[in-house]
Amino acid sequence: WDMQVMSSMMQTTIMMARACSAECKTHAEMAEHCRMCAMAC
């Protein structure tokens, strides 16, 4: 571990999962897989 790199990757992972969740939530009412994906994100 390099803590600066690890911190950056953790922040990137959080941002990516938030963006994915937001996108999936736009389809969650019509697509169960999107609802489940948003929850996992």
PDB file of all heavy atoms in Angstrom:
ATOM      1  N   TRP A   1       0.815  -1.215   0.000  1.00  0.00           N
ATOM      2  CA  TRP A   1       0.000   0.000   0.000  1.00  0.00           C
ATOM      3  C   TRP A   1       0.851   1.268   0.000  1.00  0.00           C
ATOM      4  O   TRP A   1       1.777   1.417   0.789  1.00  0.00           O
ATOM      5  CB  TRP A   1      -0.886   0.050   1.237  1.00  0.00           C
ATOM      6  CG  TRP A   1      -2.109  -0.816   1.174  1.00  0.00           C
ATOM      7  CD1 TRP A   1      -2.381  -1.806   0.275  1.00  0.00           C
ATOM      8  CD2 TRP A   1      -3.218  -0.773   2.061  1.00  0.00           C
ATOM      9  NE1 TRP A   1      -3.580  -2.380   0.551  1.00  0.00           N
ATOM     10  CE2 TRP A   1      -4.128  -1.771   1.650  1.00  0.00           C
ATOM     11  CE3 TRP A   1      -3.526  -0.007   3.164  1.00  0.00           C
ATOM     12  CZ2 TRP A   1      -5.329  -2.005   2.293  1.00  0.00           C
ATOM     13  CZ3 TRP A   1      -4.728  -0.247   3.817  1.00  0.00           C
ATOM     14  CH2 TRP A   1      -5.604  -1.235   3.376  1.00  0.00           C
ATOM     15  N   ASP A   2       0.519   2.171  -0.869  1.00  0.00           N
ATOM     16  CA  ASP A   2       0.989   3.554  -0.807  1.00  0.00           C
ATOM     17  C   ASP A   2      -0.256   4.336  -0.395  1.00  0.00           C
ATOM     18  O   ASP A   2      -1.256   4.333  -1.117  1.00  0.00           O
ATOM     19  CB  ASP A   2       1.492   4.021  -2.170  1.00  0.00           C
ATOM     20  CG  ASP A   2       1.859   5.488  -2.165  1.00  0.00           C
ATOM     21  OD1 ASP A   2       0.929   6.330  -2.263  1.00  0.00           O
ATOM     22  OD2 ASP A   2       3.055   5.787  -2.056  1.00  0.00           O
ATOM     23  N   MET A   3      -0.222   4.968   0.761  1.00  0.00           N
ATOM     24  CA  MET A   3      -1.437   5.569   1.305  1.00  0.00           C
ATOM     25  C   MET A   3      -2.012   6.668   0.424  1.00  0.00           C
ATOM     26  O   MET A   3      -3.226   6.839   0.365  1.00  0.00           O
ATOM     27  CB  MET A   3      -1.209   6.065   2.728  1.00  0.00           C
ATOM     28  CG  MET A   3      -1.151   4.919   3.738  1.00  0.00           C
ATOM     29  SD  MET A   3      -2.461   3.668   3.551  1.00  0.00           S
ATOM     30  CE  MET A   3      -3.927   4.628   3.823  1.00  0.00           C
ATOM     31  N   GLN A   4      -1.182   7.421  -0.274  1.00  0.00           N
ATOM     32  CA  GLN A   4      -1.715   8.457  -1.146  1.00  0.00           C
ATOM     33  C   GLN A   4      -2.473   7.830  -2.323  1.00  0.00           C
ATOM     34  O   GLN A   4      -3.569   8.258  -2.675  1.00  0.00           O
ATOM     35  CB  GLN A   4      -0.598   9.363  -1.649  1.00  0.00           C
ATOM     36  CG  GLN A   4      -1.129  10.594  -2.346  1.00  0.00           C
ATOM     37  CD  GLN A   4      -0.065  11.667  -2.478  1.00  0.00           C
ATOM     38  OE1 GLN A   4       1.053  11.518  -2.029  1.00  0.00           O
ATOM     39  NE2 GLN A   4      -0.433  12.761  -3.105  1.00  0.00           N
ATOM     40  N   VAL A   5      -1.907   6.789  -2.897  1.00  0.00           N
ATOM     41  CA  VAL A   5      -2.569   6.085  -4.000  1.00  0.00           C
ATOM     42  C   VAL A   5      -3.829   5.388  -3.492  1.00  0.00           C
ATOM     43  O   VAL A   5      -4.892   5.438  -4.129  1.00  0.00           O
ATOM     44  CB  VAL A   5      -1.606   5.081  -4.663  1.00  0.00           C
ATOM     45  CG1 VAL A   5      -2.331   4.210  -5.676  1.00  0.00           C
ATOM     46  CG2 VAL A   5      -0.444   5.816  -5.314  1.00  0.00           C
ATOM     47  N   MET A   6      -3.736   4.745  -2.331  1.00  0.00           N
ATOM     48  CA  MET A   6      -4.891   4.040  -1.768  1.00  0.00           C
ATOM     49  C   MET A   6      -6.035   5.018  -1.488  1.00  0.00           C
ATOM     50  O   MET A   6      -7.186   4.744  -1.800  1.00  0.00           O
ATOM     51  CB  MET A   6      -4.493   3.297  -0.491  1.00  0.00           C
ATOM     52  CG  MET A   6      -5.591   2.416   0.052  1.00  0.00           C
ATOM     53  SD  MET A   6      -6.198   1.125  -1.068  1.00  0.00           S
ATOM     54  CE  MET A   6      -4.829   0.003  -1.067  1.00  0.00           C
ATOM     55  N   SER A   7      -5.716   6.162  -0.926  1.00  0.00           N
ATOM     56  CA  SER A   7      -6.730   7.176  -0.646  1.00  0.00           C
ATOM     57  C   SER A   7      -7.406   7.635  -1.931  1.00  0.00           C
ATOM     58  O   SER A   7      -8.638   7.730  -2.010  1.00  0.00           O
ATOM     59  CB  SER A   7      -6.092   8.363   0.077  1.00  0.00           C
ATOM     60  OG  SER A   7      -7.024   9.397   0.259  1.00  0.00           O
ATOM     61  N   SER A   8      -6.617   7.882  -2.949  1.00  0.00           N
ATOM     62  CA  SER A   8      -7.157   8.320  -4.239  1.00  0.00           C
ATOM     63  C   SER A   8      -8.063   7.243  -4.848  1.00  0.00           C
ATOM     64  O   SER A   8      -9.152   7.536  -5.358  1.00  0.00           O
ATOM     65  CB  SER A   8      -6.012   8.647  -5.192  1.00  0.00           C
ATOM     66  OG  SER A   8      -6.497   9.010  -6.448  1.00  0.00           O
ATOM     67  N   MET A   9      -7.640   5.982  -4.764  1.00  0.00           N
ATOM     68  CA  MET A   9      -8.438   4.893  -5.331  1.00  0.00           C
ATOM     69  C   MET A   9      -9.726   4.696  -4.556  1.00  0.00           C
ATOM     70  O   MET A   9     -10.777   4.430  -5.140  1.00  0.00           O
ATOM     71  CB  MET A   9      -7.603   3.606  -5.359  1.00  0.00           C
ATOM     72  CG  MET A   9      -8.279   2.476  -6.077  1.00  0.00           C
ATOM     73  SD  MET A   9      -8.587   2.876  -7.821  1.00  0.00           S
ATOM     74  CE  MET A   9      -9.663   1.522  -8.251  1.00  0.00           C
ATOM     75  N   MET A  10      -9.660   4.838  -3.233  1.00  0.00           N
ATOM     76  CA  MET A  10     -10.876   4.709  -2.430  1.00  0.00           C
ATOM     77  C   MET A  10     -11.864   5.809  -2.797  1.00  0.00           C
ATOM     78  O   MET A  10     -13.059   5.548  -2.960  1.00  0.00           O
ATOM     79  CB  MET A  10     -10.535   4.774  -0.940  1.00  0.00           C
ATOM     80  CG  MET A  10      -9.830   3.558  -0.427  1.00  0.00           C
ATOM     81  SD  MET A  10      -9.343   3.803   1.291  1.00  0.00           S
ATOM     82  CE  MET A  10      -9.175   2.127   1.821  1.00  0.00           C
ATOM     83  N   GLN A  11     -11.389   7.029  -2.941  1.00  0.00           N
ATOM     84  CA  GLN A  11     -12.259   8.135  -3.319  1.00  0.00           C
ATOM     85  C   GLN A  11     -12.845   7.921  -4.715  1.00  0.00           C
ATOM     86  O   GLN A  11     -14.031   8.182  -4.953  1.00  0.00           O
ATOM     87  CB  GLN A  11     -11.500   9.451  -3.232  1.00  0.00           C
ATOM     88  CG  GLN A  11     -11.165   9.846  -1.815  1.00  0.00           C
ATOM     89  CD  GLN A  11     -10.195  11.013  -1.732  1.00  0.00           C
ATOM     90  OE1 GLN A  11      -9.896  11.672  -2.710  1.00  0.00           O
ATOM     91  NE2 GLN A  11      -9.694  11.263  -0.534  1.00  0.00           N
ATOM     92  N   THR A  12     -12.030   7.403  -5.629  1.00  0.00           N
ATOM     93  CA  THR A  12     -12.499   7.105  -6.988  1.00  0.00           C
ATOM     94  C   THR A  12     -13.579   6.031  -6.957  1.00  0.00           C
ATOM     95  O   THR A  12     -14.605   6.140  -7.650  1.00  0.00           O
ATOM     96  CB  THR A  12     -11.323   6.663  -7.870  1.00  0.00           C
ATOM     97  OG1 THR A  12     -10.392   7.751  -7.964  1.00  0.00           O
ATOM     98  CG2 THR A  12     -11.779   6.245  -9.262  1.00  0.00           C
ATOM     99  N   THR A  13     -13.374   5.005  -6.157  1.00  0.00           N
ATOM    100  CA  THR A  13     -14.351   3.919  -6.047  1.00  0.00           C
ATOM    101  C   THR A  13     -15.676   4.446  -5.503  1.00  0.00           C
ATOM    102  O   THR A  13     -16.752   4.100  -6.015  1.00  0.00           O
ATOM    103  CB  THR A  13     -13.799   2.779  -5.165  1.00  0.00           C
ATOM    104  OG1 THR A  13     -12.562   2.328  -5.721  1.00  0.00           O
ATOM    105  CG2 THR A  13     -14.780   1.626  -5.079  1.00  0.00           C
ATOM    106  N   ILE A  14     -15.604   5.287  -4.501  1.00  0.00           N
ATOM    107  CA  ILE A  14     -16.813   5.887  -3.939  1.00  0.00           C
ATOM    108  C   ILE A  14     -17.532   6.721  -4.990  1.00  0.00           C
ATOM    109  O   ILE A  14     -18.754   6.606  -5.157  1.00  0.00           O
ATOM    110  CB  ILE A  14     -16.475   6.717  -2.680  1.00  0.00           C
ATOM    111  CG1 ILE A  14     -16.103   5.782  -1.516  1.00  0.00           C
ATOM    112  CG2 ILE A  14     -17.632   7.633  -2.293  1.00  0.00           C
ATOM    113  CD1 ILE A  14     -15.497   6.484  -0.312  1.00  0.00           C
ATOM    114  N   MET A  15     -16.803   7.545  -5.719  1.00  0.00           N
ATOM    115  CA  MET A  15     -17.425   8.394  -6.749  1.00  0.00           C
ATOM    116  C   MET A  15     -18.052   7.546  -7.847  1.00  0.00           C
ATOM    117  O   MET A  15     -19.158   7.842  -8.311  1.00  0.00           O
ATOM    118  CB  MET A  15     -16.387   9.355  -7.344  1.00  0.00           C
ATOM    119  CG  MET A  15     -16.013  10.456  -6.380  1.00  0.00           C
ATOM    120  SD  MET A  15     -14.718  11.627  -6.920  1.00  0.00           S
ATOM    121  CE  MET A  15     -14.604  11.462  -8.652  1.00  0.00           C
ATOM    122  N   MET A  16     -17.364   6.472  -8.268  1.00  0.00           N
ATOM    123  CA  MET A  16     -17.890   5.608  -9.330  1.00  0.00           C
ATOM    124  C   MET A  16     -19.154   4.901  -8.865  1.00  0.00           C
ATOM    125  O   MET A  16     -20.143   4.837  -9.587  1.00  0.00           O
ATOM    126  CB  MET A  16     -16.809   4.588  -9.724  1.00  0.00           C
ATOM    127  CG  MET A  16     -17.197   3.680 -10.874  1.00  0.00           C
ATOM    128  SD  MET A  16     -17.162   4.528 -12.470  1.00  0.00           S
ATOM    129  CE  MET A  16     -18.893   4.444 -12.905  1.00  0.00           C
ATOM    130  N   ALA A  17     -19.135   4.373  -7.641  1.00  0.00           N
ATOM    131  CA  ALA A  17     -20.312   3.665  -7.127  1.00  0.00           C
ATOM    132  C   ALA A  17     -21.491   4.621  -6.939  1.00  0.00           C
ATOM    133  O   ALA A  17     -22.639   4.247  -7.209  1.00  0.00           O
ATOM    134  CB  ALA A  17     -19.980   2.947  -5.818  1.00  0.00           C
ATOM    135  N   ARG A  18     -21.225   5.842  -6.514  1.00  0.00           N
ATOM    136  CA  ARG A  18     -22.309   6.826  -6.385  1.00  0.00           C
ATOM    137  C   ARG A  18     -22.908   7.156  -7.753  1.00  0.00           C
ATOM    138  O   ARG A  18     -24.132   7.254  -7.891  1.00  0.00           O
ATOM    139  CB  ARG A  18     -21.791   8.109  -5.740  1.00  0.00           C
ATOM    140  CG  ARG A  18     -21.669   8.026  -4.258  1.00  0.00           C
ATOM    141  CD  ARG A  18     -21.278   9.368  -3.665  1.00  0.00           C
ATOM    142  NE  ARG A  18     -21.178   9.270  -2.226  1.00  0.00           N
ATOM    143  CZ  ARG A  18     -20.296   9.932  -1.502  1.00  0.00           C
ATOM    144  NH1 ARG A  18     -19.452  10.768  -2.070  1.00  0.00           N
ATOM    145  NH2 ARG A  18     -20.263   9.772  -0.197  1.00  0.00           N
ATOM    146  N   ALA A  19     -22.061   7.338  -8.750  1.00  0.00           N
ATOM    147  CA  ALA A  19     -22.547   7.654 -10.095  1.00  0.00           C
ATOM    148  C   ALA A  19     -23.348   6.490 -10.674  1.00  0.00           C
ATOM    149  O   ALA A  19     -24.402   6.688 -11.288  1.00  0.00           O
ATOM    150  CB  ALA A  19     -21.368   8.004 -11.013  1.00  0.00           C
ATOM    151  N   CYS A  20     -22.870   5.278 -10.455  1.00  0.00           N
ATOM    152  CA  CYS A  20     -23.578   4.096 -10.949  1.00  0.00           C
ATOM    153  C   CYS A  20     -24.927   3.958 -10.249  1.00  0.00           C
ATOM    154  O   CYS A  20     -25.946   3.690 -10.890  1.00  0.00           O
ATOM    155  CB  CYS A  20     -22.717   2.851 -10.746  1.00  0.00           C
ATOM    156  SG  CYS A  20     -23.421   1.363 -11.485  1.00  0.00           S
ATOM    157  N   SER A  21     -24.941   4.164  -8.945  1.00  0.00           N
ATOM    158  CA  SER A  21     -26.187   4.091  -8.190  1.00  0.00           C
ATOM    159  C   SER A  21     -27.195   5.108  -8.715  1.00  0.00           C
ATOM    160  O   SER A  21     -28.373   4.778  -8.925  1.00  0.00           O
ATOM    161  CB  SER A  21     -25.916   4.331  -6.703  1.00  0.00           C
ATOM    162  OG  SER A  21     -27.127   4.385  -5.989  1.00  0.00           O
ATOM    163  N   ALA A  22     -26.734   6.328  -8.922  1.00  0.00           N
ATOM    164  CA  ALA A  22     -27.637   7.380  -9.413  1.00  0.00           C
ATOM    165  C   ALA A  22     -28.219   7.012 -10.774  1.00  0.00           C
ATOM    166  O   ALA A  22     -29.421   7.192 -11.019  1.00  0.00           O
ATOM    167  CB  ALA A  22     -26.896   8.714  -9.489  1.00  0.00           C
ATOM    168  N   GLU A  23     -27.391   6.478 -11.657  1.00  0.00           N
ATOM    169  CA  GLU A  23     -27.872   6.079 -12.987  1.00  0.00           C
ATOM    170  C   GLU A  23     -28.875   4.932 -12.867  1.00  0.00           C
ATOM    171  O   GLU A  23     -29.939   4.964 -13.483  1.00  0.00           O
ATOM    172  CB  GLU A  23     -26.701   5.674 -13.879  1.00  0.00           C
ATOM    173  CG  GLU A  23     -27.103   5.197 -15.252  1.00  0.00           C
ATOM    174  CD  GLU A  23     -27.778   6.246 -16.129  1.00  0.00           C
ATOM    175  OE1 GLU A  23     -27.551   7.461 -15.936  1.00  0.00           O
ATOM    176  OE2 GLU A  23     -28.545   5.849 -17.043  1.00  0.00           O
ATOM    177  N   CYS A  24     -28.550   3.928 -12.069  1.00  0.00           N
ATOM    178  CA  CYS A  24     -29.450   2.783 -11.928  1.00  0.00           C
ATOM    179  C   CYS A  24     -30.766   3.175 -11.268  1.00  0.00           C
ATOM    180  O   CYS A  24     -31.813   2.618 -11.600  1.00  0.00           O
ATOM    181  CB  CYS A  24     -28.766   1.654 -11.156  1.00  0.00           C
ATOM    182  SG  CYS A  24     -27.642   0.683 -12.184  1.00  0.00           S
ATOM    183  N   LYS A  25     -30.730   4.134 -10.365  1.00  0.00           N
ATOM    184  CA  LYS A  25     -31.962   4.565  -9.704  1.00  0.00           C
ATOM    185  C   LYS A  25     -32.938   5.194 -10.694  1.00  0.00           C
ATOM    186  O   LYS A  25     -34.152   5.169 -10.463  1.00  0.00           O
ATOM    187  CB  LYS A  25     -31.654   5.530  -8.559  1.00  0.00           C
ATOM    188  CG  LYS A  25     -31.120   4.808  -7.335  1.00  0.00           C
ATOM    189  CD  LYS A  25     -30.739   5.763  -6.219  1.00  0.00           C
ATOM    190  CE  LYS A  25     -30.187   4.975  -5.035  1.00  0.00           C
ATOM    191  NZ  LYS A  25     -29.657   5.842  -3.985  1.00  0.00           N
ATOM    192  N   THR A  26     -32.448   5.727 -11.808  1.00  0.00           N
ATOM    193  CA  THR A  26     -33.354   6.299 -12.813  1.00  0.00           C
ATOM    194  C   THR A  26     -34.164   5.211 -13.518  1.00  0.00           C
ATOM    195  O   THR A  26     -35.186   5.509 -14.125  1.00  0.00           O
ATOM    196  CB  THR A  26     -32.603   7.154 -13.863  1.00  0.00           C
ATOM    197  OG1 THR A  26     -31.755   6.315 -14.649  1.00  0.00           O
ATOM    198  CG2 THR A  26     -31.809   8.269 -13.214  1.00  0.00           C
ATOM    199  N   HIS A  27     -33.707   3.951 -13.436  1.00  0.00           N
ATOM    200  CA  HIS A  27     -34.402   2.832 -14.081  1.00  0.00           C
ATOM    201  C   HIS A  27     -34.975   1.842 -13.063  1.00  0.00           C
ATOM    202  O   HIS A  27     -35.528   0.816 -13.440  1.00  0.00           O
ATOM    203  CB  HIS A  27     -33.440   2.060 -14.993  1.00  0.00           C
ATOM    204  CG  HIS A  27     -32.663   2.913 -15.923  1.00  0.00           C
ATOM    205  ND1 HIS A  27     -31.293   2.982 -15.903  1.00  0.00           N
ATOM    206  CD2 HIS A  27     -33.066   3.771 -16.894  1.00  0.00           C
ATOM    207  CE1 HIS A  27     -30.880   3.828 -16.820  1.00  0.00           C
ATOM    208  NE2 HIS A  27     -31.924   4.321 -17.435  1.00  0.00           N
ATOM    209  N   ALA A  28     -34.800   2.121 -11.788  1.00  0.00           N
ATOM    210  CA  ALA A  28     -35.119   1.145 -10.746  1.00  0.00           C
ATOM    211  C   ALA A  28     -36.582   0.712 -10.719  1.00  0.00           C
ATOM    212  O   ALA A  28     -36.879  -0.430 -10.373  1.00  0.00           O
ATOM    213  CB  ALA A  28     -34.710   1.688  -9.376  1.00  0.00           C
ATOM    214  N   GLU A  29     -37.486   1.606 -11.078  1.00  0.00           N
ATOM    215  CA  GLU A  29     -38.908   1.234 -11.039  1.00  0.00           C
ATOM    216  C   GLU A  29     -39.281   0.262 -12.149  1.00  0.00           C
ATOM    217  O   GLU A  29     -40.202  -0.531 -11.986  1.00  0.00           O
ATOM    218  CB  GLU A  29     -39.770   2.488 -11.105  1.00  0.00           C
ATOM    219  CG  GLU A  29     -39.738   3.283  -9.816  1.00  0.00           C
ATOM    220  CD  GLU A  29     -40.729   4.437  -9.814  1.00  0.00           C
ATOM    221  OE1 GLU A  29     -41.742   4.379 -10.547  1.00  0.00           O
ATOM    222  OE2 GLU A  29     -40.479   5.397  -9.071  1.00  0.00           O
ATOM    223  N   MET A  30     -38.549   0.295 -13.255  1.00  0.00           N
ATOM    224  CA  MET A  30     -38.892  -0.586 -14.373  1.00  0.00           C
ATOM    225  C   MET A  30     -37.940  -1.776 -14.522  1.00  0.00           C
ATOM    226  O   MET A  30     -38.232  -2.704 -15.259  1.00  0.00           O
ATOM    227  CB  MET A  30     -38.931   0.192 -15.680  1.00  0.00           C
ATOM    228  CG  MET A  30     -37.612   0.740 -16.131  1.00  0.00           C
ATOM    229  SD  MET A  30     -37.804   1.607 -17.689  1.00  0.00           S
ATOM    230  CE  MET A  30     -36.101   1.980 -18.036  1.00  0.00           C
ATOM    231  N   ALA A  31     -36.807  -1.741 -13.810  1.00  0.00           N
ATOM    232  CA  ALA A  31     -35.822  -2.818 -13.965  1.00  0.00           C
ATOM    233  C   ALA A  31     -35.310  -3.243 -12.588  1.00  0.00           C
ATOM    234  O   ALA A  31     -34.583  -2.488 -11.933  1.00  0.00           O
ATOM    235  CB  ALA A  31     -34.669  -2.354 -14.852  1.00  0.00           C
ATOM    236  N   GLU A  32     -35.676  -4.452 -12.186  1.00  0.00           N
ATOM    237  CA  GLU A  32     -35.260  -4.970 -10.880  1.00  0.00           C
ATOM    238  C   GLU A  32     -33.742  -5.044 -10.762  1.00  0.00           C
ATOM    239  O   GLU A  32     -33.182  -4.767  -9.705  1.00  0.00           O
ATOM    240  CB  GLU A  32     -35.885  -6.359 -10.652  1.00  0.00           C
ATOM    241  CG  GLU A  32     -35.503  -7.014  -9.341  1.00  0.00           C
ATOM    242  CD  GLU A  32     -36.055  -6.323  -8.094  1.00  0.00           C
ATOM    243  OE1 GLU A  32     -36.838  -5.363  -8.197  1.00  0.00           O
ATOM    244  OE2 GLU A  32     -35.683  -6.753  -6.992  1.00  0.00           O
ATOM    245  N   HIS A  33     -33.064  -5.389 -11.851  1.00  0.00           N
ATOM    246  CA  HIS A  33     -31.604  -5.486 -11.799  1.00  0.00           C
ATOM    247  C   HIS A  33     -30.979  -4.126 -11.507  1.00  0.00           C
ATOM    248  O   HIS A  33     -29.970  -4.042 -10.806  1.00  0.00           O
ATOM    249  CB  HIS A  33     -31.024  -6.099 -13.080  1.00  0.00           C
ATOM    250  CG  HIS A  33     -31.429  -5.411 -14.340  1.00  0.00           C
ATOM    251  ND1 HIS A  33     -30.770  -4.309 -14.832  1.00  0.00           N
ATOM    252  CD2 HIS A  33     -32.434  -5.674 -15.211  1.00  0.00           C
ATOM    253  CE1 HIS A  33     -31.339  -3.920 -15.958  1.00  0.00           C
ATOM    254  NE2 HIS A  33     -32.364  -4.732 -16.206  1.00  0.00           N
ATOM    255  N   CYS A  34     -31.587  -3.051 -11.989  1.00  0.00           N
ATOM    256  CA  CYS A  34     -31.081  -1.707 -11.684  1.00  0.00           C
ATOM    257  C   CYS A  34     -31.327  -1.348 -10.222  1.00  0.00           C
ATOM    258  O   CYS A  34     -30.466  -0.746  -9.570  1.00  0.00           O
ATOM    259  CB  CYS A  34     -31.716  -0.665 -12.602  1.00  0.00           C
ATOM    260  SG  CYS A  34     -31.055  -0.671 -14.284  1.00  0.00           S
ATOM    261  N   ARG A  35     -32.462  -1.739  -9.679  1.00  0.00           N
ATOM    262  CA  ARG A  35     -32.752  -1.473  -8.271  1.00  0.00           C
ATOM    263  C   ARG A  35     -31.748  -2.196  -7.375  1.00  0.00           C
ATOM    264  O   ARG A  35     -31.182  -1.615  -6.448  1.00  0.00           O
ATOM    265  CB  ARG A  35     -34.171  -1.919  -7.924  1.00  0.00           C
ATOM    266  CG  ARG A  35     -34.603  -1.530  -6.497  1.00  0.00           C
ATOM    267  CD  ARG A  35     -35.935  -2.165  -6.109  1.00  0.00           C
ATOM    268  NE  ARG A  35     -35.855  -3.618  -5.992  1.00  0.00           N
ATOM    269  CZ  ARG A  35     -35.278  -4.268  -4.965  1.00  0.00           C
ATOM    270  NH1 ARG A  35     -34.735  -3.591  -3.976  1.00  0.00           N
ATOM    271  NH2 ARG A  35     -35.262  -5.575  -4.937  1.00  0.00           N
ATOM    272  N   MET A  36     -31.494  -3.450  -7.693  1.00  0.00           N
ATOM    273  CA  MET A  36     -30.545  -4.233  -6.909  1.00  0.00           C
ATOM    274  C   MET A  36     -29.123  -3.694  -7.060  1.00  0.00           C
ATOM    275  O   MET A  36     -28.360  -3.654  -6.083  1.00  0.00           O
ATOM    276  CB  MET A  36     -30.622  -5.700  -7.321  1.00  0.00           C
ATOM    277  CG  MET A  36     -31.943  -6.348  -6.911  1.00  0.00           C
ATOM    278  SD  MET A  36     -32.204  -8.004  -7.579  1.00  0.00           S
ATOM    279  CE  MET A  36     -30.751  -8.851  -7.038  1.00  0.00           C
ATOM    280  N   CYS A  37     -28.769  -3.273  -8.235  1.00  0.00           N
ATOM    281  CA  CYS A  37     -27.441  -2.723  -8.481  1.00  0.00           C
ATOM    282  C   CYS A  37     -27.246  -1.428  -7.691  1.00  0.00           C
ATOM    283  O   CYS A  37     -26.203  -1.230  -7.055  1.00  0.00           O
ATOM    284  CB  CYS A  37     -27.240  -2.477  -9.977  1.00  0.00           C
ATOM    285  SG  CYS A  37     -25.567  -1.956 -10.414  1.00  0.00           S
ATOM    286  N   ALA A  38     -28.243  -0.562  -7.713  1.00  0.00           N
ATOM    287  CA  ALA A  38     -28.158   0.697  -6.957  1.00  0.00           C
ATOM    288  C   ALA A  38     -27.975   0.415  -5.469  1.00  0.00           C
ATOM    289  O   ALA A  38     -27.160   1.067  -4.797  1.00  0.00           O
ATOM    290  CB  ALA A  38     -29.400   1.544  -7.196  1.00  0.00           C
ATOM    291  N   MET A  39     -28.692  -0.568  -4.958  1.00  0.00           N
ATOM    292  CA  MET A  39     -28.558  -0.926  -3.536  1.00  0.00           C
ATOM    293  C   MET A  39     -27.148  -1.438  -3.230  1.00  0.00           C
ATOM    294  O   MET A  39     -26.550  -1.055  -2.223  1.00  0.00           O
ATOM    295  CB  MET A  39     -29.590  -1.992  -3.154  1.00  0.00           C
ATOM    296  CG  MET A  39     -30.984  -1.451  -2.987  1.00  0.00           C
ATOM    297  SD  MET A  39     -32.248  -2.705  -2.569  1.00  0.00           S
ATOM    298  CE  MET A  39     -31.405  -3.868  -1.558  1.00  0.00           C
ATOM    299  N   ALA A  40     -26.608  -2.265  -4.102  1.00  0.00           N
ATOM    300  CA  ALA A  40     -25.261  -2.803  -3.887  1.00  0.00           C
ATOM    301  C   ALA A  40     -24.221  -1.686  -3.960  1.00  0.00           C
ATOM    302  O   ALA A  40     -23.269  -1.666  -3.174  1.00  0.00           O
ATOM    303  CB  ALA A  40     -24.952  -3.890  -4.914  1.00  0.00           C
ATOM    304  N   CYS A  41     -24.416  -0.753  -4.870  1.00  0.00           N
ATOM    305  CA  CYS A  41     -23.500   0.391  -4.974  1.00  0.00           C
ATOM    306  C   CYS A  41     -23.550   1.230  -3.703  1.00  0.00           C
ATOM    307  O   CYS A  41     -22.506   1.638  -3.172  1.00  0.00           O
ATOM    308  CB  CYS A  41     -23.850   1.255  -6.179  1.00  0.00           C
ATOM    309  SG  CYS A  41     -23.425   0.538  -7.786  1.00  0.00           S
TER     310      CYS A  41
END
